[in-house]
Amino acid sequence: ELSVRAVLPYMSDLMTIDAFQAEICECLDSYQGQILTLRQEMDDHRRALQAFKEDLKHAEERCVVISQDQACEICGAPAVRERFYVFACRHCFHEACLRALVVPVLGAERRERLFTLEAMRLEHQAAAAGALAGTVPAMTLAEVEDELDGILADDCPLCGHLMIQTIRRPFIDPGEEAEVESWAIT
């Protein structure tokens, strides 16, 4: 198909365009429609970017204040005595207690990544203590900690998706038959 745009360079300056007026107007209308569509898309992207910036700003400003005697939801010991996580729902866990809840439900790949990151953190701690002379770990400690946090603190295990997934688990694990039998009424 031949368009007006393709023919215009071959027309002489003395030729009138009355014969092509309808086609030229149609072409210009088409371009105007494309321009309006692109302008609308740009406005949509601008609004989405602004909403994303607002969400990011609110996420950076978000914090959870806990009392000094806040207890770990699992072991009941004061949370502030060791490394701990607090979720927006205000559930609080020691890192070790959270790890014990999260690791059994992680997929094999994420579990292996968690173990690798924990080993990297130990390497950083050993390097800081001077036990590993000349060895530089592949990731910075901050990167390791961020990725660990992303795996361990993805969502609250008591009221997030982890708890919802446990609804499918039986109350008694298959390896606990002896426990079941000990409760039997004879």
Protein backbone atom coordinates (compact mmCIF):
# COMPACT_ATOMS: atom_id res chain seq x y z
CA GLU A 1 0.00 0.00 0.00
CA LEU A 2 1.30 3.42 -0.97
CA SER A 3 0.84 6.25 1.49
CA VAL A 4 0.71 10.01 0.96
CA ARG A 5 3.90 10.34 2.93
CA ALA A 6 5.73 8.12 0.44
CA VAL A 7 4.47 10.09 -2.58
CA LEU A 8 5.03 13.67 -1.31
CA PRO A 9 8.80 13.81 -2.00
CA TYR A 10 8.16 13.02 -5.69
CA MET A 11 5.61 15.76 -6.23
CA SER A 12 6.77 19.03 -7.77
CA ASP A 13 6.38 22.30 -5.91
CA LEU A 14 4.03 23.60 -8.59
CA MET A 15 1.55 20.75 -8.25
CA THR A 16 -1.60 21.43 -6.22
CA ILE A 17 -2.59 18.97 -3.56
CA ASP A 18 -6.34 19.33 -4.00
CA ALA A 19 -6.53 15.81 -5.39
CA PHE A 20 -4.78 14.43 -2.30
CA GLN A 21 -6.49 16.61 0.29
CA ALA A 22 -8.71 13.83 1.67
CA GLU A 23 -5.80 11.39 1.95
CA ILE A 24 -3.57 14.03 3.59
CA CYS A 25 -6.31 14.89 6.11
CA GLU A 26 -6.84 11.19 6.81
CA CYS A 27 -3.10 10.72 7.35
CA LEU A 28 -2.92 13.75 9.67
CA ASP A 29 -5.95 12.50 11.61
CA SER A 30 -4.24 9.12 11.98
CA TYR A 31 -1.08 10.80 13.28
CA GLN A 32 -3.13 12.90 15.66
CA GLY A 33 -4.79 9.74 17.01
CA GLN A 34 -1.40 8.09 17.50
CA ILE A 35 -0.08 11.22 19.26
CA LEU A 36 -3.09 11.27 21.60
CA THR A 37 -2.63 7.57 22.38
CA LEU A 38 1.05 8.05 23.15
CA ARG A 39 0.30 11.15 25.24
CA GLN A 40 -2.28 9.14 27.23
CA GLU A 41 0.24 6.33 27.78
CA MET A 42 2.83 8.85 28.95
CA ASP A 43 0.32 10.36 31.39
CA ASP A 44 -0.53 6.87 32.70
CA HIS A 45 3.14 6.09 33.22
CA ARG A 46 3.68 9.44 34.94
CA ARG A 47 0.80 8.74 37.35
CA ALA A 48 2.06 5.22 38.03
CA LEU A 49 5.56 6.57 38.73
CA GLN A 50 4.16 9.19 41.09
CA ALA A 51 2.13 6.53 42.95
CA PHE A 52 5.21 4.33 43.18
CA LYS A 53 7.27 7.22 44.58
CA GLU A 54 4.58 7.89 47.19
CA ASP A 55 4.47 4.21 48.18
CA LEU A 56 8.25 4.12 48.45
CA LYS A 57 8.26 7.26 50.57
CA HIS A 58 5.66 5.77 52.93
CA ALA A 59 7.59 2.50 53.15
CA GLU A 60 10.78 4.34 54.07
CA GLU A 61 8.98 6.33 56.77
CA ARG A 62 7.24 3.30 58.26
CA CYS A 63 8.50 2.05 61.57
CA VAL A 64 7.21 -0.07 64.42
CA VAL A 65 7.80 1.02 67.98
CA ILE A 66 7.99 -1.75 70.57
CA SER A 67 8.24 -1.63 74.32
CA GLN A 68 11.48 -2.52 76.07
CA ASP A 69 9.93 -5.68 77.49
CA GLN A 70 8.45 -6.89 74.17
CA ALA A 71 8.64 -10.69 74.19
CA CYS A 72 9.39 -13.06 71.37
CA GLU A 73 6.16 -14.68 70.18
CA ILE A 74 7.78 -18.14 70.18
CA CYS A 75 10.02 -18.43 73.24
CA GLY A 76 8.59 -15.62 75.39
CA ALA A 77 12.04 -14.18 76.22
CA PRO A 78 12.59 -10.42 75.85
CA ALA A 79 13.15 -9.70 72.17
CA VAL A 80 15.71 -6.94 72.60
CA ARG A 81 18.31 -9.25 74.19
CA GLU A 82 19.37 -10.60 70.79
CA ARG A 83 18.82 -9.99 67.09
CA PHE A 84 15.07 -9.81 66.43
CA TYR A 85 12.47 -9.03 63.78
CA VAL A 86 9.27 -7.01 64.24
CA PHE A 87 6.53 -7.10 61.62
CA ALA A 88 3.96 -4.41 60.84
CA CYS A 89 1.36 -6.54 62.67
CA ARG A 90 3.59 -6.05 65.77
CA HIS A 91 4.50 -9.74 66.09
CA CYS A 92 8.08 -9.97 67.30
CA PHE A 93 10.56 -12.86 66.95
CA HIS A 94 14.17 -13.60 67.75
CA GLU A 95 16.07 -14.41 64.58
CA ALA A 96 16.64 -18.02 65.71
CA CYS A 97 12.95 -18.49 66.57
CA LEU A 98 11.85 -17.02 63.25
CA ARG A 99 14.36 -19.20 61.43
CA ALA A 100 12.94 -22.31 63.12
CA LEU A 101 9.48 -21.41 61.82
CA VAL A 102 10.50 -20.39 58.30
CA VAL A 103 13.18 -22.94 57.28
CA PRO A 104 10.89 -26.02 57.28
CA VAL A 105 8.49 -24.41 54.79
CA LEU A 106 11.07 -22.92 52.44
CA GLY A 107 11.59 -24.50 49.05
CA ALA A 108 14.86 -26.38 48.54
CA GLU A 109 16.44 -23.59 46.49
CA ARG A 110 15.59 -20.82 48.99
CA ARG A 111 16.67 -23.02 51.89
CA GLU A 112 20.06 -23.60 50.26
CA ARG A 113 20.38 -19.88 49.58
CA LEU A 114 19.60 -19.14 53.23
CA PHE A 115 22.31 -21.56 54.39
CA THR A 116 24.79 -20.03 51.92
CA LEU A 117 24.00 -16.52 53.17
CA GLU A 118 24.40 -17.59 56.79
CA ALA A 119 27.80 -19.08 55.93
CA MET A 120 28.77 -15.80 54.25
CA ARG A 121 27.72 -13.89 57.35
CA LEU A 122 29.94 -16.15 59.48
CA GLU A 123 32.84 -15.51 57.07
CA HIS A 124 32.32 -11.76 57.48
CA GLN A 125 32.27 -12.10 61.25
CA ALA A 126 35.45 -14.22 61.18
CA ALA A 127 37.14 -11.70 58.86
CA ALA A 128 36.14 -8.86 61.19
CA ALA A 129 37.62 -10.77 64.12
CA GLY A 130 40.86 -11.27 62.17
CA ALA A 131 40.50 -15.03 61.79
CA LEU A 132 40.45 -14.95 57.97
CA ALA A 133 43.48 -12.97 56.86
CA GLY A 134 43.44 -11.83 53.24
CA THR A 135 40.09 -13.42 52.34
CA VAL A 136 37.42 -11.08 50.98
CA PRO A 137 33.87 -12.48 50.81
CA ALA A 138 32.01 -12.09 47.50
CA MET A 139 29.18 -9.96 48.92
CA THR A 140 29.32 -7.13 51.42
CA LEU A 141 27.90 -7.82 54.87
CA ALA A 142 25.06 -5.35 54.20
CA GLU A 143 24.10 -7.22 51.02
CA VAL A 144 24.18 -10.55 52.86
CA GLU A 145 22.04 -9.17 55.71
CA ASP A 146 19.53 -7.63 53.28
CA GLU A 147 19.08 -10.88 51.40
CA LEU A 148 18.81 -12.85 54.66
CA ASP A 149 16.15 -10.41 55.86
CA GLY A 150 14.30 -10.86 52.57
CA ILE A 151 14.14 -14.61 53.08
CA LEU A 152 13.50 -14.77 56.84
CA ALA A 153 11.23 -11.75 57.20
CA ASP A 154 9.29 -12.05 53.96
CA ASP A 155 6.00 -12.11 55.88
CA CYS A 156 4.84 -12.63 59.45
CA PRO A 157 4.70 -16.37 60.14
CA LEU A 158 1.81 -15.99 62.59
CA CYS A 159 -0.62 -13.96 60.49
CA GLY A 160 0.84 -13.92 56.97
CA HIS A 161 0.84 -16.36 54.07
CA LEU A 162 2.94 -18.88 56.01
CA MET A 163 0.15 -19.36 58.56
CA ILE A 164 -2.41 -19.65 55.78
CA GLN A 165 -0.34 -22.39 54.13
CA THR A 166 -0.24 -24.38 57.39
CA ILE A 167 -3.99 -24.93 57.25
CA ARG A 168 -3.27 -27.88 54.94
CA ARG A 169 -0.85 -29.49 57.39
CA PRO A 170 -2.20 -32.18 59.69
CA PHE A 171 -2.12 -31.49 63.42
CA ILE A 172 0.09 -34.51 63.92
CA ASP A 173 3.11 -35.05 61.72
CA PRO A 174 3.66 -38.53 60.27
CA GLY A 175 6.70 -39.15 62.52
CA GLU A 176 4.73 -38.58 65.74
CA GLU A 177 2.80 -41.87 65.97
CA ALA A 178 4.39 -42.62 69.35
CA GLU A 179 3.11 -39.28 70.66
CA VAL A 180 -0.39 -40.09 69.40
CA GLU A 181 -0.31 -43.49 71.06
CA SER A 182 0.81 -41.98 74.37
CA TRP A 183 -2.38 -39.93 74.46
CA ALA A 184 -4.64 -42.88 73.68
CA ILE A 185 -7.31 -43.66 76.24
CA THR A 186 -7.25 -47.34 77.16
